[in-house]
Amino acid sequence: MRALLAERDDVDSVVGIDLLAVNGHGVEAHRLDLVTADLTEAFAGADAVIHLASAFGPRFEGPEVDDAVDVAMARRVLEAAAEAGATRVVLRSSATVYGPWPNNAVPLTEEAPLRPHPDLAYAVQMAEIERAAADWSADHPGTTVARLRPATVVGGEHDWLAQALDAVSGLQPGDDAPAQYLHLEDLAAAVVVAFAAGLDGPVNVAPSGWLTPTERRALDPVPKLRLPEQAALKAADWRWKLGLAPTTPGVVAYARHPWVVANDQLVAAGWSAANSNEEAYVAGHEASAIESITPQRRQELALGVAAGAIVAVAGGVIALVRRRRRS
């Protein structure tokens, strides 16, 4: 993503901020803690701010999550953006903010209310970040704040939600819900489109359509065991406590009920997914998923994924863009 921004003819420079080393052609790097560091100097001159950082990941727990560090980071980033005079902000949220509810529309549009499941801290904190961003936008007329809501992301080091859903896929009670899978490279492209188009407000990010329960099961060579609801929740709780699952039992509801999203707004802005839900699922899961499809289909999927390769989003980074002024 940073390379895509740096190569644009309307961008003068890109600044990457992370706790870890930031690499990328044409990127000015700063190693800073967004929660504690003074951000004034690093943000100076930024016309746009792209905030992707998160403390969540596999086996997330502890003070960072309990103290809602993601919310604190977002608030400080917005404050620094205001001080720098940035007029465009892009924040990464999540489609989990809609919550997994039996009465959800299929698909959900951006007008749907925020109803995150209370037992999934990630979804709750993303919803709080969105509320803070909406308030900030109202207080800063003339700015745009795109709040990206990606579906389940696969294909990188930060696809913990996909891993968590896989971990409970054999425990969910009843029939599983339709599901969407977004390749990390398509998310990177969506971030750039949101920046370039100056999108404002919530923006869903997902390939068109979704996988039905039957279609997803066809990609899994091992049949999933169905358990009664209480047994499923109890099993998920024990798997979490024993370190056998990457997130809390709150994710079970996201495997039980629909939360798939429509992408019309992003498509209208010029974005298109290079990878379908099926292609993203196969690319982002272990080899056992590949074994369930024919050699011809396997080749087609591999070619499709290769053709769509762009650049990965670094899950813990923030990018600042100084736009090139035209004479």
C-alpha atoms as a PDB file:
ATOM      1  CA  MET A   1       0.000   0.000   0.000  1.00  0.00           C
ATOM      2  CA  ARG A   2       2.767   2.460   0.889  1.00  0.00           C
ATOM      3  CA  ALA A   3       4.372   1.827  -2.507  1.00  0.00           C
ATOM      4  CA  LEU A   4       1.046   2.405  -4.258  1.00  0.00           C
ATOM      5  CA  LEU A   5       0.726   5.758  -2.517  1.00  0.00           C
ATOM      6  CA  ALA A   6       4.322   6.793  -3.166  1.00  0.00           C
ATOM      7  CA  GLU A   7       3.971   6.093  -6.886  1.00  0.00           C
ATOM      8  CA  ARG A   8       0.962   8.405  -7.339  1.00  0.00           C
ATOM      9  CA  ASP A   9       1.687  11.593  -9.261  1.00  0.00           C
ATOM     10  CA  ASP A  10      -0.351  13.674  -6.812  1.00  0.00           C
ATOM     11  CA  VAL A  11       1.656  12.527  -3.775  1.00  0.00           C
ATOM     12  CA  ASP A  12       4.818  14.367  -2.750  1.00  0.00           C
ATOM     13  CA  SER A  13       5.917  12.011   0.036  1.00  0.00           C
ATOM     14  CA  VAL A  14       4.692   9.186   2.276  1.00  0.00           C
ATOM     15  CA  VAL A  15       5.614   8.871   5.956  1.00  0.00           C
ATOM     16  CA  GLY A  16       5.270   5.473   7.640  1.00  0.00           C
ATOM     17  CA  ILE A  17       4.892   5.242  11.439  1.00  0.00           C
ATOM     18  CA  ASP A  18       5.108   1.979  13.373  1.00  0.00           C
ATOM     19  CA  LEU A  19       6.635   0.476  16.509  1.00  0.00           C
ATOM     20  CA  LEU A  20       8.588  -1.814  14.186  1.00  0.00           C
ATOM     21  CA  ALA A  21      10.826  -0.926  11.260  1.00  0.00           C
ATOM     22  CA  VAL A  22       8.933   0.575   8.315  1.00  0.00           C
ATOM     23  CA  ASN A  23      10.209  -0.338   4.878  1.00  0.00           C
ATOM     24  CA  GLY A  24       9.121   0.717   1.427  1.00  0.00           C
ATOM     25  CA  HIS A  25      10.413   2.557  -1.611  1.00  0.00           C
ATOM     26  CA  GLY A  26       9.994   6.312  -1.230  1.00  0.00           C
ATOM     27  CA  VAL A  27       8.744   6.073   2.355  1.00  0.00           C
ATOM     28  CA  GLU A  28      10.059   8.213   5.206  1.00  0.00           C
ATOM     29  CA  ALA A  29      10.045   6.019   8.312  1.00  0.00           C
ATOM     30  CA  HIS A  30       9.399   6.845  11.970  1.00  0.00           C
ATOM     31  CA  ARG A  31       9.399   4.300  14.820  1.00  0.00           C
ATOM     32  CA  LEU A  32       6.927   5.718  17.327  1.00  0.00           C
ATOM     33  CA  ASP A  33       4.382   4.514  19.860  1.00  0.00           C
ATOM     34  CA  LEU A  34       1.073   6.074  18.845  1.00  0.00           C
ATOM     35  CA  VAL A  35      -0.189   5.892  22.429  1.00  0.00           C
ATOM     36  CA  THR A  36       2.682   7.637  24.220  1.00  0.00           C
ATOM     37  CA  ALA A  37       4.883   9.474  21.699  1.00  0.00           C
ATOM     38  CA  ASP A  38       4.682  13.120  20.705  1.00  0.00           C
ATOM     39  CA  LEU A  39       3.240  12.917  17.183  1.00  0.00           C
ATOM     40  CA  THR A  40       3.545  16.589  16.260  1.00  0.00           C
ATOM     41  CA  GLU A  41       6.810  16.453  14.323  1.00  0.00           C
ATOM     42  CA  ALA A  42       6.040  13.224  12.475  1.00  0.00           C
ATOM     43  CA  PHE A  43       2.591  14.477  11.379  1.00  0.00           C
ATOM     44  CA  ALA A  44       3.762  17.954  10.360  1.00  0.00           C
ATOM     45  CA  GLY A  45       2.763  18.847   6.808  1.00  0.00           C
ATOM     46  CA  ALA A  46       0.510  15.827   6.298  1.00  0.00           C
ATOM     47  CA  ASP A  47      -2.419  16.429   3.968  1.00  0.00           C
ATOM     48  CA  ALA A  48      -3.860  12.958   4.570  1.00  0.00           C
ATOM     49  CA  VAL A  49      -3.633  10.392   7.368  1.00  0.00           C
ATOM     50  CA  ILE A  50      -4.194   6.663   6.875  1.00  0.00           C
ATOM     51  CA  HIS A  51      -4.539   4.830  10.188  1.00  0.00           C
ATOM     52  CA  LEU A  52      -4.283   1.021  10.107  1.00  0.00           C
ATOM     53  CA  ALA A  53      -2.650   0.248  13.449  1.00  0.00           C
ATOM     54  CA  SER A  54      -4.156  -2.199  15.946  1.00  0.00           C
ATOM     55  CA  ALA A  55      -3.082  -4.006  19.104  1.00  0.00           C
ATOM     56  CA  PHE A  56      -5.337  -6.974  18.296  1.00  0.00           C
ATOM     57  CA  GLY A  57      -3.953 -10.222  16.958  1.00  0.00           C
ATOM     58  CA  PRO A  58      -3.720 -13.964  17.660  1.00  0.00           C
ATOM     59  CA  ARG A  59      -4.296 -14.752  21.355  1.00  0.00           C
ATOM     60  CA  PHE A  60      -4.939 -11.106  22.104  1.00  0.00           C
ATOM     61  CA  GLU A  61      -5.445 -10.391  25.773  1.00  0.00           C
ATOM     62  CA  GLY A  62      -3.863  -8.310  28.475  1.00  0.00           C
ATOM     63  CA  PRO A  63      -3.645  -4.604  29.266  1.00  0.00           C
ATOM     64  CA  GLU A  64      -3.471  -3.382  25.654  1.00  0.00           C
ATOM     65  CA  VAL A  65      -6.870  -4.892  24.900  1.00  0.00           C
ATOM     66  CA  ASP A  66      -8.399  -4.364  28.356  1.00  0.00           C
ATOM     67  CA  ASP A  67      -7.434  -0.686  28.311  1.00  0.00           C
ATOM     68  CA  ALA A  68      -8.832  -0.198  24.782  1.00  0.00           C
ATOM     69  CA  VAL A  69      -5.494   0.847  23.339  1.00  0.00           C
ATOM     70  CA  ASP A  70      -6.929   0.811  19.799  1.00  0.00           C
ATOM     71  CA  VAL A  71      -9.435   3.479  20.803  1.00  0.00           C
ATOM     72  CA  ALA A  72      -6.725   5.560  22.472  1.00  0.00           C
ATOM     73  CA  MET A  73      -4.511   5.309  19.377  1.00  0.00           C
ATOM     74  CA  ALA A  74      -7.313   6.397  17.062  1.00  0.00           C
ATOM     75  CA  ARG A  75      -8.155   9.407  19.216  1.00  0.00           C
ATOM     76  CA  ARG A  76      -4.510  10.542  19.325  1.00  0.00           C
ATOM     77  CA  VAL A  77      -4.129  10.056  15.575  1.00  0.00           C
ATOM     78  CA  LEU A  78      -7.221  12.181  14.932  1.00  0.00           C
ATOM     79  CA  GLU A  79      -5.917  14.893  17.259  1.00  0.00           C
ATOM     80  CA  ALA A  80      -2.554  14.895  15.490  1.00  0.00           C
ATOM     81  CA  ALA A  81      -4.275  14.983  12.093  1.00  0.00           C
ATOM     82  CA  ALA A  82      -6.220  18.061  13.161  1.00  0.00           C
ATOM     83  CA  GLU A  83      -3.083  19.788  14.438  1.00  0.00           C
ATOM     84  CA  ALA A  84      -1.301  19.049  11.154  1.00  0.00           C
ATOM     85  CA  GLY A  85      -4.216  20.413   9.141  1.00  0.00           C
ATOM     86  CA  ALA A  86      -4.875  17.161   7.300  1.00  0.00           C
ATOM     87  CA  THR A  87      -8.043  17.235   5.223  1.00  0.00           C
ATOM     88  CA  ARG A  88      -8.342  13.507   4.454  1.00  0.00           C
ATOM     89  CA  VAL A  89      -8.341  10.654   6.949  1.00  0.00           C
ATOM     90  CA  VAL A  90      -8.764   6.937   6.260  1.00  0.00           C
ATOM     91  CA  LEU A  91      -9.353   4.644   9.259  1.00  0.00           C
ATOM     92  CA  ARG A  92      -9.480   0.870   9.190  1.00  0.00           C
ATOM     93  CA  SER A  93     -12.496  -0.414  11.106  1.00  0.00           C
ATOM     94  CA  SER A  94     -14.193  -3.786  10.524  1.00  0.00           C
ATOM     95  CA  ALA A  95     -17.442  -5.247   9.231  1.00  0.00           C
ATOM     96  CA  THR A  96     -17.709  -6.935  12.643  1.00  0.00           C
ATOM     97  CA  VAL A  97     -19.197  -3.641  13.891  1.00  0.00           C
ATOM     98  CA  TYR A  98     -22.533  -4.697  12.356  1.00  0.00           C
ATOM     99  CA  GLY A  99     -22.627  -7.685  14.668  1.00  0.00           C
ATOM    100  CA  PRO A 100     -23.724 -11.247  13.839  1.00  0.00           C
ATOM    101  CA  TRP A 101     -27.497 -11.200  14.250  1.00  0.00           C
ATOM    102  CA  PRO A 102     -30.207 -13.471  12.800  1.00  0.00           C
ATOM    103  CA  ASN A 103     -32.217 -10.473  11.566  1.00  0.00           C
ATOM    104  CA  ASN A 104     -29.331  -8.842   9.671  1.00  0.00           C
ATOM    105  CA  ALA A 105     -30.009  -7.946   6.052  1.00  0.00           C
ATOM    106  CA  VAL A 106     -28.042  -9.970   3.490  1.00  0.00           C
ATOM    107  CA  PRO A 107     -26.060  -8.064   2.437  1.00  0.00           C
ATOM    108  CA  LEU A 108     -25.674  -5.151   4.850  1.00  0.00           C
ATOM    109  CA  THR A 109     -25.211  -1.632   3.489  1.00  0.00           C
ATOM    110  CA  GLU A 110     -23.416   1.207   5.237  1.00  0.00           C
ATOM    111  CA  GLU A 111     -26.762   2.532   6.516  1.00  0.00           C
ATOM    112  CA  ALA A 112     -27.173  -0.474   8.839  1.00  0.00           C
ATOM    113  CA  PRO A 113     -26.757   0.350  12.555  1.00  0.00           C
ATOM    114  CA  LEU A 114     -23.645  -0.541  14.554  1.00  0.00           C
ATOM    115  CA  ARG A 115     -24.510  -3.569  16.697  1.00  0.00           C
ATOM    116  CA  PRO A 116     -21.214  -5.278  17.588  1.00  0.00           C
ATOM    117  CA  HIS A 117     -21.450  -8.465  19.630  1.00  0.00           C
ATOM    118  CA  PRO A 118     -20.611  -7.501  23.232  1.00  0.00           C
ATOM    119  CA  ASP A 119     -18.434 -10.593  23.738  1.00  0.00           C
ATOM    120  CA  LEU A 120     -15.985  -9.706  20.951  1.00  0.00           C
ATOM    121  CA  ALA A 121     -13.785  -6.877  22.232  1.00  0.00           C
ATOM    122  CA  TYR A 122     -12.379  -6.167  18.775  1.00  0.00           C
ATOM    123  CA  ALA A 123     -15.822  -5.430  17.321  1.00  0.00           C
ATOM    124  CA  VAL A 124     -16.812  -3.301  20.320  1.00  0.00           C
ATOM    125  CA  GLN A 125     -13.649  -1.204  20.108  1.00  0.00           C
ATOM    126  CA  MET A 126     -13.930  -0.758  16.333  1.00  0.00           C
ATOM    127  CA  ALA A 127     -17.465   0.576  16.830  1.00  0.00           C
ATOM    128  CA  GLU A 128     -16.199   3.014  19.482  1.00  0.00           C
ATOM    129  CA  ILE A 129     -13.443   4.190  17.110  1.00  0.00           C
ATOM    130  CA  GLU A 130     -16.063   4.813  14.437  1.00  0.00           C
ATOM    131  CA  ARG A 131     -18.151   6.898  16.827  1.00  0.00           C
ATOM    132  CA  ALA A 132     -15.075   8.928  17.774  1.00  0.00           C
ATOM    133  CA  ALA A 133     -14.244   9.433  14.097  1.00  0.00           C
ATOM    134  CA  ALA A 134     -17.794  10.576  13.309  1.00  0.00           C
ATOM    135  CA  ASP A 135     -17.675  13.094  16.164  1.00  0.00           C
ATOM    136  CA  TRP A 136     -14.252  14.335  15.025  1.00  0.00           C
ATOM    137  CA  SER A 137     -15.492  14.750  11.470  1.00  0.00           C
ATOM    138  CA  ALA A 138     -18.481  16.776  12.651  1.00  0.00           C
ATOM    139  CA  ASP A 139     -16.129  19.050  14.601  1.00  0.00           C
ATOM    140  CA  HIS A 140     -13.832  19.556  11.587  1.00  0.00           C
ATOM    141  CA  PRO A 141     -15.912  20.684   8.599  1.00  0.00           C
ATOM    142  CA  GLY A 142     -14.105  20.468   5.288  1.00  0.00           C
ATOM    143  CA  THR A 143     -12.411  17.178   6.174  1.00  0.00           C
ATOM    144  CA  THR A 144     -13.267  13.677   5.002  1.00  0.00           C
ATOM    145  CA  VAL A 145     -12.976  10.609   7.214  1.00  0.00           C
ATOM    146  CA  ALA A 146     -13.402   7.259   5.469  1.00  0.00           C
ATOM    147  CA  ARG A 147     -14.128   4.458   7.932  1.00  0.00           C
ATOM    148  CA  LEU A 148     -13.300   1.242   6.084  1.00  0.00           C
ATOM    149  CA  ARG A 149     -15.225  -1.868   7.168  1.00  0.00           C
ATOM    150  CA  PRO A 150     -13.441  -4.867   5.637  1.00  0.00           C
ATOM    151  CA  ALA A 151     -14.885  -8.372   5.733  1.00  0.00           C
ATOM    152  CA  THR A 152     -12.742 -11.238   7.068  1.00  0.00           C
ATOM    153  CA  VAL A 153      -9.206 -10.531   5.809  1.00  0.00           C
ATOM    154  CA  VAL A 154      -6.949 -13.362   4.649  1.00  0.00           C
ATOM    155  CA  GLY A 155      -3.530 -13.639   3.059  1.00  0.00           C
ATOM    156  CA  GLY A 156      -1.193 -12.042   5.598  1.00  0.00           C
ATOM    157  CA  GLU A 157       0.257 -12.104   9.082  1.00  0.00           C
ATOM    158  CA  HIS A 158      -2.718 -10.256  10.556  1.00  0.00           C
ATOM    159  CA  ASP A 159      -5.560 -12.566   9.469  1.00  0.00           C
ATOM    160  CA  TRP A 160      -6.310 -13.601  13.063  1.00  0.00           C
ATOM    161  CA  LEU A 161     -10.069 -13.206  12.577  1.00  0.00           C
ATOM    162  CA  ALA A 162     -10.047 -15.754   9.735  1.00  0.00           C
ATOM    163  CA  GLN A 163      -8.066 -18.114  11.974  1.00  0.00           C
ATOM    164  CA  ALA A 164     -10.527 -17.574  14.817  1.00  0.00           C
ATOM    165  CA  LEU A 165     -13.532 -18.303  12.608  1.00  0.00           C
ATOM    166  CA  ASP A 166     -11.808 -21.453  11.366  1.00  0.00           C
ATOM    167  CA  ALA A 167     -11.142 -22.507  14.942  1.00  0.00           C
ATOM    168  CA  VAL A 168     -14.854 -22.417  15.797  1.00  0.00           C
ATOM    169  CA  SER A 169     -16.190 -23.596  12.439  1.00  0.00           C
ATOM    170  CA  GLY A 170     -16.503 -27.133  13.762  1.00  0.00           C
ATOM    171  CA  LEU A 171     -18.144 -25.988  16.980  1.00  0.00           C
ATOM    172  CA  GLN A 172     -20.892 -23.716  15.790  1.00  0.00           C
ATOM    173  CA  PRO A 173     -24.451 -24.887  16.499  1.00  0.00           C
ATOM    174  CA  GLY A 174     -26.867 -25.374  13.617  1.00  0.00           C
ATOM    175  CA  ASP A 175     -26.143 -24.194  10.076  1.00  0.00           C
ATOM    176  CA  ASP A 176     -23.276 -21.805   9.515  1.00  0.00           C
ATOM    177  CA  ALA A 177     -23.905 -18.420   7.936  1.00  0.00           C
ATOM    178  CA  PRO A 178     -22.860 -17.027   4.550  1.00  0.00           C
ATOM    179  CA  ALA A 179     -19.313 -15.706   4.705  1.00  0.00           C
ATOM    180  CA  GLN A 180     -17.023 -13.280   2.896  1.00  0.00           C
ATOM    181  CA  TYR A 181     -13.242 -13.348   2.561  1.00  0.00           C
ATOM    182  CA  LEU A 182     -11.183 -10.337   1.511  1.00  0.00           C
ATOM    183  CA  HIS A 183      -7.628 -10.745   0.246  1.00  0.00           C
ATOM    184  CA  LEU A 184      -5.129  -8.479   1.972  1.00  0.00           C
ATOM    185  CA  GLU A 185      -3.983  -7.057  -1.350  1.00  0.00           C
ATOM    186  CA  ASP A 186      -7.549  -6.051  -2.214  1.00  0.00           C
ATOM    187  CA  LEU A 187      -7.778  -4.283   1.143  1.00  0.00           C
ATOM    188  CA  ALA A 188      -4.586  -2.390   0.278  1.00  0.00           C
ATOM    189  CA  ALA A 189      -6.117  -1.305  -3.014  1.00  0.00           C
ATOM    190  CA  ALA A 190      -9.298  -0.215  -1.201  1.00  0.00           C
ATOM    191  CA  VAL A 191      -7.290   1.991   1.167  1.00  0.00           C
ATOM    192  CA  VAL A 192      -5.687   3.777  -1.779  1.00  0.00           C
ATOM    193  CA  VAL A 193      -9.040   4.235  -3.541  1.00  0.00           C
ATOM    194  CA  ALA A 194     -10.607   5.652  -0.367  1.00  0.00           C
ATOM    195  CA  PHE A 195      -7.730   8.131  -0.075  1.00  0.00           C
ATOM    196  CA  ALA A 196      -7.663   9.122  -3.747  1.00  0.00           C
ATOM    197  CA  ALA A 197     -11.434   9.541  -4.026  1.00  0.00           C
ATOM    198  CA  GLY A 198     -11.726  11.410  -0.725  1.00  0.00           C
ATOM    199  CA  LEU A 199     -14.422   9.036   0.494  1.00  0.00           C
ATOM    200  CA  ASP A 200     -16.272  10.118   3.603  1.00  0.00           C
ATOM    201  CA  GLY A 201     -18.151   8.088   6.220  1.00  0.00           C
ATOM    202  CA  PRO A 202     -18.453   4.296   6.497  1.00  0.00           C
ATOM    203  CA  VAL A 203     -17.277   2.211   3.529  1.00  0.00           C
ATOM    204  CA  ASN A 204     -17.752  -1.553   3.257  1.00  0.00           C
ATOM    205  CA  VAL A 205     -14.870  -3.546   1.770  1.00  0.00           C
ATOM    206  CA  ALA A 206     -15.564  -7.042   0.428  1.00  0.00           C
ATOM    207  CA  PRO A 207     -15.670  -8.927  -2.875  1.00  0.00           C
ATOM    208  CA  SER A 208     -19.045  -9.064  -4.566  1.00  0.00           C
ATOM    209  CA  GLY A 209     -21.295 -11.796  -3.229  1.00  0.00           C
ATOM    210  CA  TRP A 210     -20.368 -14.357  -0.594  1.00  0.00           C
ATOM    211  CA  LEU A 211     -19.787 -18.051   0.010  1.00  0.00           C
ATOM    212  CA  THR A 212     -22.840 -20.045   0.998  1.00  0.00           C
ATOM    213  CA  PRO A 213     -22.398 -22.690   3.704  1.00  0.00           C
ATOM    214  CA  THR A 214     -22.413 -25.377   0.994  1.00  0.00           C
ATOM    215  CA  GLU A 215     -19.791 -23.578  -1.097  1.00  0.00           C
ATOM    216  CA  ARG A 216     -17.493 -23.052   1.857  1.00  0.00           C
ATOM    217  CA  ARG A 217     -17.805 -26.649   3.020  1.00  0.00           C
ATOM    218  CA  ALA A 218     -16.853 -27.772  -0.502  1.00  0.00           C
ATOM    219  CA  LEU A 219     -13.471 -26.096   0.016  1.00  0.00           C
ATOM    220  CA  ASP A 220     -12.863 -27.952   3.300  1.00  0.00           C
ATOM    221  CA  PRO A 221     -11.807 -31.596   2.890  1.00  0.00           C
ATOM    222  CA  VAL A 222     -12.641 -32.485   6.507  1.00  0.00           C
ATOM    223  CA  PRO A 223     -16.364 -32.465   7.498  1.00  0.00           C
ATOM    224  CA  LYS A 224     -17.218 -30.172  10.407  1.00  0.00           C
ATOM    225  CA  LEU A 225     -18.841 -31.510  13.559  1.00  0.00           C
ATOM    226  CA  ARG A 226     -22.079 -29.760  14.598  1.00  0.00           C
ATOM    227  CA  LEU A 227     -22.720 -29.359  18.311  1.00  0.00           C
ATOM    228  CA  PRO A 228     -25.699 -28.099  20.344  1.00  0.00           C
ATOM    229  CA  GLU A 229     -25.407 -24.430  21.253  1.00  0.00           C
ATOM    230  CA  GLN A 230     -24.384 -24.811  24.892  1.00  0.00           C
ATOM    231  CA  ALA A 231     -21.899 -27.546  24.033  1.00  0.00           C
ATOM    232  CA  ALA A 232     -20.417 -25.392  21.259  1.00  0.00           C
ATOM    233  CA  LEU A 233     -19.977 -22.386  23.546  1.00  0.00           C
ATOM    234  CA  LYS A 234     -18.474 -24.505  26.312  1.00  0.00           C
ATOM    235  CA  ALA A 235     -16.050 -26.152  23.896  1.00  0.00           C
ATOM    236  CA  ALA A 236     -15.013 -22.761  22.510  1.00  0.00           C
ATOM    237  CA  ASP A 237     -14.422 -21.465  26.039  1.00  0.00           C
ATOM    238  CA  TRP A 238     -12.157 -24.387  26.896  1.00  0.00           C
ATOM    239  CA  ARG A 239     -10.247 -24.074  23.610  1.00  0.00           C
ATOM    240  CA  TRP A 240      -9.594 -20.414  24.436  1.00  0.00           C
ATOM    241  CA  LYS A 241      -8.455 -21.141  27.992  1.00  0.00           C
ATOM    242  CA  LEU A 242      -6.130 -23.926  26.818  1.00  0.00           C
ATOM    243  CA  GLY A 243      -4.601 -21.758  24.110  1.00  0.00           C
ATOM    244  CA  LEU A 244      -6.040 -23.876  21.276  1.00  0.00           C
ATOM    245  CA  ALA A 245      -8.056 -21.045  19.709  1.00  0.00           C
ATOM    246  CA  PRO A 246      -6.790 -17.599  18.609  1.00  0.00           C
ATOM    247  CA  THR A 247      -9.566 -15.524  20.153  1.00  0.00           C
ATOM    248  CA  THR A 248     -12.317 -15.471  22.751  1.00  0.00           C
ATOM    249  CA  PRO A 249     -15.569 -17.491  22.456  1.00  0.00           C
ATOM    250  CA  GLY A 250     -17.318 -14.264  21.427  1.00  0.00           C
ATOM    251  CA  VAL A 251     -16.326 -15.060  17.851  1.00  0.00           C
ATOM    252  CA  VAL A 252     -18.692 -18.080  17.810  1.00  0.00           C
ATOM    253  CA  ALA A 253     -21.668 -15.832  17.066  1.00  0.00           C
ATOM    254  CA  TYR A 254     -19.850 -14.476  13.996  1.00  0.00           C
ATOM    255  CA  ALA A 255     -19.745 -18.011  12.603  1.00  0.00           C
ATOM    256  CA  ARG A 256     -23.427 -18.633  13.384  1.00  0.00           C
ATOM    257  CA  HIS A 257     -25.208 -15.598  11.964  1.00  0.00           C
ATOM    258  CA  PRO A 258     -24.808 -13.425   8.845  1.00  0.00           C
ATOM    259  CA  TRP A 259     -22.814 -10.198   8.673  1.00  0.00           C
ATOM    260  CA  VAL A 260     -21.921 -10.060   4.969  1.00  0.00           C
ATOM    261  CA  VAL A 261     -21.737  -6.625   3.359  1.00  0.00           C
ATOM    262  CA  ALA A 262     -22.508  -4.871   0.069  1.00  0.00           C
ATOM    263  CA  ASN A 263     -19.626  -3.125  -1.729  1.00  0.00           C
ATOM    264  CA  ASP A 264     -21.572  -0.786  -4.049  1.00  0.00           C
ATOM    265  CA  GLN A 265     -20.145   2.431  -2.621  1.00  0.00           C
ATOM    266  CA  LEU A 266     -16.516   1.364  -2.985  1.00  0.00           C
ATOM    267  CA  VAL A 267     -17.080  -0.074  -6.460  1.00  0.00           C
ATOM    268  CA  ALA A 268     -18.664   3.218  -7.539  1.00  0.00           C
ATOM    269  CA  ALA A 269     -15.446   4.946  -6.433  1.00  0.00           C
ATOM    270  CA  GLY A 270     -13.401   2.786  -8.813  1.00  0.00           C
ATOM    271  CA  TRP A 271     -12.402  -0.228  -6.689  1.00  0.00           C
ATOM    272  CA  SER A 272     -12.765  -3.823  -7.777  1.00  0.00           C
ATOM    273  CA  ALA A 273     -11.595  -6.943  -5.990  1.00  0.00           C
ATOM    274  CA  ALA A 274      -8.910  -8.861  -7.868  1.00  0.00           C
ATOM    275  CA  ASN A 275      -9.816 -11.935  -5.830  1.00  0.00           C
ATOM    276  CA  SER A 276     -13.294 -13.430  -5.377  1.00  0.00           C
ATOM    277  CA  ASN A 277     -14.435 -14.792  -2.021  1.00  0.00           C
ATOM    278  CA  GLU A 278     -13.514 -18.292  -3.178  1.00  0.00           C
ATOM    279  CA  GLU A 279     -10.072 -17.240  -4.414  1.00  0.00           C
ATOM    280  CA  ALA A 280      -9.339 -15.307  -1.229  1.00  0.00           C
ATOM    281  CA  TYR A 281     -10.453 -18.223   0.941  1.00  0.00           C
ATOM    282  CA  VAL A 282      -8.214 -20.680  -0.901  1.00  0.00           C
ATOM    283  CA  ALA A 283      -5.251 -18.268  -0.966  1.00  0.00           C
ATOM    284  CA  GLY A 284      -5.551 -17.515   2.732  1.00  0.00           C
ATOM    285  CA  HIS A 285      -6.066 -20.976   4.175  1.00  0.00           C
ATOM    286  CA  GLU A 286      -3.785 -23.892   4.681  1.00  0.00           C
ATOM    287  CA  ALA A 287      -3.058 -26.432   1.955  1.00  0.00           C
ATOM    288  CA  SER A 288      -5.860 -28.743   3.038  1.00  0.00           C
ATOM    289  CA  ALA A 289      -8.379 -26.363   1.453  1.00  0.00           C
ATOM    290  CA  ILE A 290      -6.620 -26.655  -1.905  1.00  0.00           C
ATOM    291  CA  GLU A 291      -6.784 -30.452  -1.798  1.00  0.00           C
ATOM    292  CA  SER A 292     -10.582 -30.433  -2.048  1.00  0.00           C
ATOM    293  CA  ILE A 293     -10.770 -28.830  -5.510  1.00  0.00           C
ATOM    294  CA  THR A 294      -9.913 -30.234  -8.920  1.00  0.00           C
ATOM    295  CA  PRO A 295      -6.441 -29.653 -10.438  1.00  0.00           C
ATOM    296  CA  GLN A 296      -8.004 -27.502 -13.204  1.00  0.00           C
ATOM    297  CA  ARG A 297      -9.870 -25.295 -10.706  1.00  0.00           C
ATOM    298  CA  ARG A 298      -6.757 -25.142  -8.530  1.00  0.00           C
ATOM    299  CA  GLN A 299      -4.783 -23.759 -11.475  1.00  0.00           C
ATOM    300  CA  GLU A 300      -7.509 -21.236 -12.300  1.00  0.00           C
ATOM    301  CA  LEU A 301      -7.528 -19.991  -8.712  1.00  0.00           C
ATOM    302  CA  ALA A 302      -3.731 -19.748  -8.587  1.00  0.00           C
ATOM    303  CA  LEU A 303      -3.657 -17.717 -11.815  1.00  0.00           C
ATOM    304  CA  GLY A 304      -6.401 -15.444 -10.547  1.00  0.00           C
ATOM    305  CA  VAL A 305      -4.588 -14.736  -7.293  1.00  0.00           C
ATOM    306  CA  ALA A 306      -1.265 -14.122  -9.058  1.00  0.00           C
ATOM    307  CA  ALA A 307      -2.877 -11.686 -11.489  1.00  0.00           C
ATOM    308  CA  GLY A 308      -4.306  -9.702  -8.606  1.00  0.00           C
ATOM    309  CA  ALA A 309      -1.056  -9.314  -6.654  1.00  0.00           C
ATOM    310  CA  ILE A 310      -0.348  -5.722  -5.638  1.00  0.00           C
ATOM    311  CA  VAL A 311       1.207  -5.027  -2.233  1.00  0.00           C
ATOM    312  CA  ALA A 312       0.363  -6.055   1.339  1.00  0.00           C
ATOM    313  CA  VAL A 313      -1.022  -3.794   4.056  1.00  0.00           C
ATOM    314  CA  ALA A 314       1.107  -3.719   7.205  1.00  0.00           C
ATOM    315  CA  GLY A 315      -1.407  -4.179  10.012  1.00  0.00           C
ATOM    316  CA  GLY A 316       0.444  -2.080  12.554  1.00  0.00           C
ATOM    317  CA  VAL A 317       1.327   0.958  10.491  1.00  0.00           C
ATOM    318  CA  ILE A 318       0.045   4.445   9.882  1.00  0.00           C
ATOM    319  CA  ALA A 319       0.766   6.306   6.672  1.00  0.00           C
ATOM    320  CA  LEU A 320       0.888  10.075   6.281  1.00  0.00           C
ATOM    321  CA  VAL A 321       0.581  11.569   2.822  1.00  0.00           C
ATOM    322  CA  ARG A 322       1.886  14.918   1.718  1.00  0.00           C
ATOM    323  CA  ARG A 323       0.131  15.712  -1.524  1.00  0.00           C
ATOM    324  CA  ARG A 324       1.913  17.279  -4.469  1.00  0.00           C
ATOM    325  CA  ARG A 325       0.634  20.749  -5.233  1.00  0.00           C
ATOM    326  CA  ARG A 326      -0.164  21.438  -8.873  1.00  0.00           C
ATOM    327  CA  SER A 327       0.768  24.801 -10.302  1.00  0.00           C
END
